[in-house]
Amino acid sequence: MEFAEESMILSLGILNNEIKYIRTIPVKIDNKKISVDKSGTILERFENLNKDLIRGKK
């Protein structure tokens, strides 16, 4: 997707039809290369987007 340089990989641990853990991995996408973002900026941006979405539902 054009301009989709930042994303998240979501890892779920499921046991007996219950989610036991959720792990988010922020990544940068550059052409065909994906790298983990260790700076925290992508995670912070996604958390803020989530907060904005929750506020919008109220």
PDB file of N, CA and C in Angstrom:
ATOM      1  N   MET A   1       0.840  -1.166   0.000  1.00  0.00           N
ATOM      2  CA  MET A   1       0.000   0.000   0.000  1.00  0.00           C
ATOM      3  C   MET A   1       0.892   1.239   0.000  1.00  0.00           C
ATOM      4  N   GLU A   2       0.615   2.171  -0.868  1.00  0.00           N
ATOM      5  CA  GLU A   2       1.413   3.391  -0.946  1.00  0.00           C
ATOM      6  C   GLU A   2       1.294   4.193   0.347  1.00  0.00           C
ATOM      7  N   PHE A   3       2.393   4.720   0.811  1.00  0.00           N
ATOM      8  CA  PHE A   3       2.494   5.551   2.009  1.00  0.00           C
ATOM      9  C   PHE A   3       2.251   4.788   3.312  1.00  0.00           C
ATOM     10  N   ALA A   4       2.270   3.482   3.286  1.00  0.00           N
ATOM     11  CA  ALA A   4       2.104   2.696   4.506  1.00  0.00           C
ATOM     12  C   ALA A   4       3.480   2.268   4.996  1.00  0.00           C
ATOM     13  N   GLU A   5       4.247   3.227   5.485  1.00  0.00           N
ATOM     14  CA  GLU A   5       5.612   2.946   5.904  1.00  0.00           C
ATOM     15  C   GLU A   5       5.701   2.494   7.357  1.00  0.00           C
ATOM     16  N   GLU A   6       4.640   2.660   8.103  1.00  0.00           N
ATOM     17  CA  GLU A   6       4.626   2.255   9.512  1.00  0.00           C
ATOM     18  C   GLU A   6       3.424   1.353   9.743  1.00  0.00           C
ATOM     19  N   SER A   7       3.651   0.309  10.521  1.00  0.00           N
ATOM     20  CA  SER A   7       2.569  -0.625  10.794  1.00  0.00           C
ATOM     21  C   SER A   7       2.832  -1.348  12.104  1.00  0.00           C
ATOM     22  N   MET A   8       1.954  -2.269  12.430  1.00  0.00           N
ATOM     23  CA  MET A   8       2.111  -3.085  13.634  1.00  0.00           C
ATOM     24  C   MET A   8       1.873  -4.538  13.259  1.00  0.00           C
ATOM     25  N   ILE A   9       2.663  -5.400  13.834  1.00  0.00           N
ATOM     26  CA  ILE A   9       2.421  -6.833  13.749  1.00  0.00           C
ATOM     27  C   ILE A   9       1.810  -7.224  15.081  1.00  0.00           C
ATOM     28  N   LEU A  10       0.728  -7.961  15.041  1.00  0.00           N
ATOM     29  CA  LEU A  10       0.031  -8.368  16.250  1.00  0.00           C
ATOM     30  C   LEU A  10       0.227  -9.861  16.454  1.00  0.00           C
ATOM     31  N   SER A  11       0.704 -10.224  17.628  1.00  0.00           N
ATOM     32  CA  SER A  11       0.902 -11.621  17.978  1.00  0.00           C
ATOM     33  C   SER A  11      -0.027 -11.955  19.137  1.00  0.00           C
ATOM     34  N   LEU A  12      -0.827 -12.997  18.980  1.00  0.00           N
ATOM     35  CA  LEU A  12      -1.766 -13.414  20.016  1.00  0.00           C
ATOM     36  C   LEU A  12      -1.415 -14.807  20.508  1.00  0.00           C
ATOM     37  N   GLY A  13      -1.525 -14.992  21.801  1.00  0.00           N
ATOM     38  CA  GLY A  13      -1.406 -16.332  22.382  1.00  0.00           C
ATOM     39  C   GLY A  13      -2.801 -16.795  22.764  1.00  0.00           C
ATOM     40  N   ILE A  14      -3.261 -17.883  22.154  1.00  0.00           N
ATOM     41  CA  ILE A  14      -4.621 -18.373  22.400  1.00  0.00           C
ATOM     42  C   ILE A  14      -4.544 -19.786  22.950  1.00  0.00           C
ATOM     43  N   LEU A  15      -5.278 -20.024  24.031  1.00  0.00           N
ATOM     44  CA  LEU A  15      -5.352 -21.343  24.640  1.00  0.00           C
ATOM     45  C   LEU A  15      -6.789 -21.592  25.063  1.00  0.00           C
ATOM     46  N   ASN A  16      -7.340 -22.711  24.644  1.00  0.00           N
ATOM     47  CA  ASN A  16      -8.726 -23.060  24.973  1.00  0.00           C
ATOM     48  C   ASN A  16      -9.698 -21.941  24.594  1.00  0.00           C
ATOM     49  N   ASN A  17      -9.535 -21.399  23.401  1.00  0.00           N
ATOM     50  CA  ASN A  17     -10.404 -20.339  22.863  1.00  0.00           C
ATOM     51  C   ASN A  17     -10.360 -19.046  23.665  1.00  0.00           C
ATOM     52  N   GLU A  18      -9.325 -18.831  24.445  1.00  0.00           N
ATOM     53  CA  GLU A  18      -9.159 -17.593  25.198  1.00  0.00           C
ATOM     54  C   GLU A  18      -7.832 -16.943  24.823  1.00  0.00           C
ATOM     55  N   ILE A  19      -7.854 -15.622  24.680  1.00  0.00           N
ATOM     56  CA  ILE A  19      -6.621 -14.895  24.413  1.00  0.00           C
ATOM     57  C   ILE A  19      -5.842 -14.791  25.723  1.00  0.00           C
ATOM     58  N   LYS A  20      -4.642 -15.330  25.724  1.00  0.00           N
ATOM     59  CA  LYS A  20      -3.802 -15.327  26.922  1.00  0.00           C
ATOM     60  C   LYS A  20      -2.825 -14.156  26.934  1.00  0.00           C
ATOM     61  N   TYR A  21      -2.403 -13.733  25.748  1.00  0.00           N
ATOM     62  CA  TYR A  21      -1.542 -12.554  25.685  1.00  0.00           C
ATOM     63  C   TYR A  21      -1.669 -11.904  24.311  1.00  0.00           C
ATOM     64  N   ILE A  22      -1.381 -10.619  24.289  1.00  0.00           N
ATOM     65  CA  ILE A  22      -1.334  -9.848  23.047  1.00  0.00           C
ATOM     66  C   ILE A  22       0.004  -9.125  23.030  1.00  0.00           C
ATOM     67  N   ARG A  23       0.712  -9.269  21.931  1.00  0.00           N
ATOM     68  CA  ARG A  23       2.001  -8.589  21.777  1.00  0.00           C
ATOM     69  C   ARG A  23       1.970  -7.778  20.495  1.00  0.00           C
ATOM     70  N   THR A  24       2.263  -6.499  20.597  1.00  0.00           N
ATOM     71  CA  THR A  24       2.329  -5.654  19.414  1.00  0.00           C
ATOM     72  C   THR A  24       3.789  -5.378  19.080  1.00  0.00           C
ATOM     73  N   ILE A  25       4.097  -5.439  17.801  1.00  0.00           N
ATOM     74  CA  ILE A  25       5.458  -5.210  17.339  1.00  0.00           C
ATOM     75  C   ILE A  25       5.408  -4.089  16.300  1.00  0.00           C
ATOM     76  N   PRO A  26       5.846  -2.874  16.671  1.00  0.00           N
ATOM     77  CA  PRO A  26       5.847  -1.779  15.705  1.00  0.00           C
ATOM     78  C   PRO A  26       6.947  -1.986  14.671  1.00  0.00           C
ATOM     79  N   VAL A  27       6.611  -1.789  13.393  1.00  0.00           N
ATOM     80  CA  VAL A  27       7.585  -2.009  12.332  1.00  0.00           C
ATOM     81  C   VAL A  27       7.579  -0.862  11.326  1.00  0.00           C
ATOM     82  N   LYS A  28       8.729  -0.696  10.683  1.00  0.00           N
ATOM     83  CA  LYS A  28       8.879   0.242   9.569  1.00  0.00           C
ATOM     84  C   LYS A  28       8.999  -0.597   8.305  1.00  0.00           C
ATOM     85  N   ILE A  29       8.334  -0.146   7.249  1.00  0.00           N
ATOM     86  CA  ILE A  29       8.360  -0.864   5.979  1.00  0.00           C
ATOM     87  C   ILE A  29       9.022   0.044   4.948  1.00  0.00           C
ATOM     88  N   ASP A  30      10.085  -0.466   4.351  1.00  0.00           N
ATOM     89  CA  ASP A  30      10.813   0.281   3.329  1.00  0.00           C
ATOM     90  C   ASP A  30      10.955  -0.626   2.117  1.00  0.00           C
ATOM     91  N   ASN A  31      10.101  -0.398   1.128  1.00  0.00           N
ATOM     92  CA  ASN A  31      10.054  -1.229  -0.060  1.00  0.00           C
ATOM     93  C   ASN A  31       9.726  -2.660   0.346  1.00  0.00           C
ATOM     94  N   LYS A  32      10.664  -3.568   0.269  1.00  0.00           N
ATOM     95  CA  LYS A  32      10.394  -4.961   0.648  1.00  0.00           C
ATOM     96  C   LYS A  32      11.057  -5.337   1.966  1.00  0.00           C
ATOM     97  N   LYS A  33      11.625  -4.362   2.645  1.00  0.00           N
ATOM     98  CA  LYS A  33      12.327  -4.616   3.898  1.00  0.00           C
ATOM     99  C   LYS A  33      11.464  -4.158   5.082  1.00  0.00           C
ATOM    100  N   ILE A  34      11.323  -5.028   6.062  1.00  0.00           N
ATOM    101  CA  ILE A  34      10.574  -4.709   7.285  1.00  0.00           C
ATOM    102  C   ILE A  34      11.543  -4.753   8.447  1.00  0.00           C
ATOM    103  N   SER A  35      11.538  -3.697   9.271  1.00  0.00           N
ATOM    104  CA  SER A  35      12.411  -3.675  10.442  1.00  0.00           C
ATOM    105  C   SER A  35      11.615  -3.243  11.668  1.00  0.00           C
ATOM    106  N   VAL A  36      11.982  -3.797  12.808  1.00  0.00           N
ATOM    107  CA  VAL A  36      11.327  -3.461  14.074  1.00  0.00           C
ATOM    108  C   VAL A  36      11.740  -2.054  14.484  1.00  0.00           C
ATOM    109  N   ASP A  37      10.753  -1.245  14.866  1.00  0.00           N
ATOM    110  CA  ASP A  37      11.020   0.122  15.323  1.00  0.00           C
ATOM    111  C   ASP A  37      11.241   0.092  16.833  1.00  0.00           C
ATOM    112  N   LYS A  38      12.465   0.296  17.249  1.00  0.00           N
ATOM    113  CA  LYS A  38      12.800   0.267  18.670  1.00  0.00           C
ATOM    114  C   LYS A  38      12.776   1.657  19.303  1.00  0.00           C
ATOM    115  N   SER A  39      12.481   2.688  18.497  1.00  0.00           N
ATOM    116  CA  SER A  39      12.476   4.058  19.022  1.00  0.00           C
ATOM    117  C   SER A  39      11.238   4.366  19.851  1.00  0.00           C
ATOM    118  N   GLY A  40      10.163   3.632  19.623  1.00  0.00           N
ATOM    119  CA  GLY A  40       8.920   3.876  20.366  1.00  0.00           C
ATOM    120  C   GLY A  40       7.985   4.854  19.681  1.00  0.00           C
ATOM    121  N   THR A  41       8.427   5.491  18.596  1.00  0.00           N
ATOM    122  CA  THR A  41       7.585   6.509  17.962  1.00  0.00           C
ATOM    123  C   THR A  41       6.372   5.907  17.266  1.00  0.00           C
ATOM    124  N   ILE A  42       6.517   4.764  16.624  1.00  0.00           N
ATOM    125  CA  ILE A  42       5.379   4.141  15.949  1.00  0.00           C
ATOM    126  C   ILE A  42       4.363   3.665  16.981  1.00  0.00           C
ATOM    127  N   LEU A  43       4.829   3.018  18.032  1.00  0.00           N
ATOM    128  CA  LEU A  43       3.921   2.542  19.074  1.00  0.00           C
ATOM    129  C   LEU A  43       3.160   3.711  19.694  1.00  0.00           C
ATOM    130  N   GLU A  44       3.845   4.799  19.972  1.00  0.00           N
ATOM    131  CA  GLU A  44       3.198   5.982  20.549  1.00  0.00           C
ATOM    132  C   GLU A  44       2.146   6.544  19.595  1.00  0.00           C
ATOM    133  N   ARG A  45       2.470   6.610  18.313  1.00  0.00           N
ATOM    134  CA  ARG A  45       1.528   7.132  17.316  1.00  0.00           C
ATOM    135  C   ARG A  45       0.278   6.255  17.247  1.00  0.00           C
ATOM    136  N   PHE A  46       0.440   4.925  17.254  1.00  0.00           N
ATOM    137  CA  PHE A  46      -0.704   4.025  17.211  1.00  0.00           C
ATOM    138  C   PHE A  46      -1.534   4.122  18.486  1.00  0.00           C
ATOM    139  N   GLU A  47      -0.889   4.267  19.633  1.00  0.00           N
ATOM    140  CA  GLU A  47      -1.624   4.417  20.885  1.00  0.00           C
ATOM    141  C   GLU A  47      -2.453   5.693  20.868  1.00  0.00           C
ATOM    142  N   ASN A  48      -1.892   6.776  20.345  1.00  0.00           N
ATOM    143  CA  ASN A  48      -2.640   8.035  20.241  1.00  0.00           C
ATOM    144  C   ASN A  48      -3.807   7.910  19.274  1.00  0.00           C
ATOM    145  N   LEU A  49      -3.620   7.211  18.163  1.00  0.00           N
ATOM    146  CA  LEU A  49      -4.724   6.984  17.232  1.00  0.00           C
ATOM    147  C   LEU A  49      -5.847   6.216  17.919  1.00  0.00           C
ATOM    148  N   ASN A  50      -5.487   5.219  18.714  1.00  0.00           N
ATOM    149  CA  ASN A  50      -6.470   4.424  19.427  1.00  0.00           C
ATOM    150  C   ASN A  50      -7.245   5.295  20.421  1.00  0.00           C
ATOM    151  N   LYS A  51      -6.542   6.159  21.141  1.00  0.00           N
ATOM    152  CA  LYS A  51      -7.201   7.060  22.090  1.00  0.00           C
ATOM    153  C   LYS A  51      -8.173   7.979  21.367  1.00  0.00           C
ATOM    154  N   ASP A  52      -7.770   8.497  20.209  1.00  0.00           N
ATOM    155  CA  ASP A  52      -8.640   9.371  19.418  1.00  0.00           C
ATOM    156  C   ASP A  52      -9.886   8.632  18.957  1.00  0.00           C
ATOM    157  N   LEU A  53      -9.739   7.365  18.561  1.00  0.00           N
ATOM    158  CA  LEU A  53     -10.887   6.572  18.128  1.00  0.00           C
ATOM    159  C   LEU A  53     -11.854   6.336  19.293  1.00  0.00           C
ATOM    160  N   ILE A  54     -11.310   6.051  20.468  1.00  0.00           N
ATOM    161  CA  ILE A  54     -12.164   5.813  21.644  1.00  0.00           C
ATOM    162  C   ILE A  54     -12.912   7.085  22.015  1.00  0.00           C
ATOM    163  N   ARG A  55     -12.215   8.233  21.998  1.00  0.00           N
ATOM    164  CA  ARG A  55     -12.858   9.516  22.311  1.00  0.00           C
ATOM    165  C   ARG A  55     -13.974   9.829  21.320  1.00  0.00           C
ATOM    166  N   GLY A  56     -13.779   9.477  20.068  1.00  0.00           N
ATOM    167  CA  GLY A  56     -14.754   9.752  19.033  1.00  0.00           C
ATOM    168  C   GLY A  56     -16.038   8.956  19.189  1.00  0.00           C
ATOM    169  N   LYS A  57     -15.972   7.812  19.882  1.00  0.00           N
ATOM    170  CA  LYS A  57     -17.146   6.967  20.086  1.00  0.00           C
ATOM    171  C   LYS A  57     -18.038   7.486  21.206  1.00  0.00           C
ATOM    172  N   LYS A  58     -17.509   8.350  22.046  1.00  0.00           N
ATOM    173  CA  LYS A  58     -18.285   8.841  23.193  1.00  0.00           C
ATOM    174  C   LYS A  58     -19.243   9.909  22.759  1.00  0.00           C
TER     175      LYS A  58
END
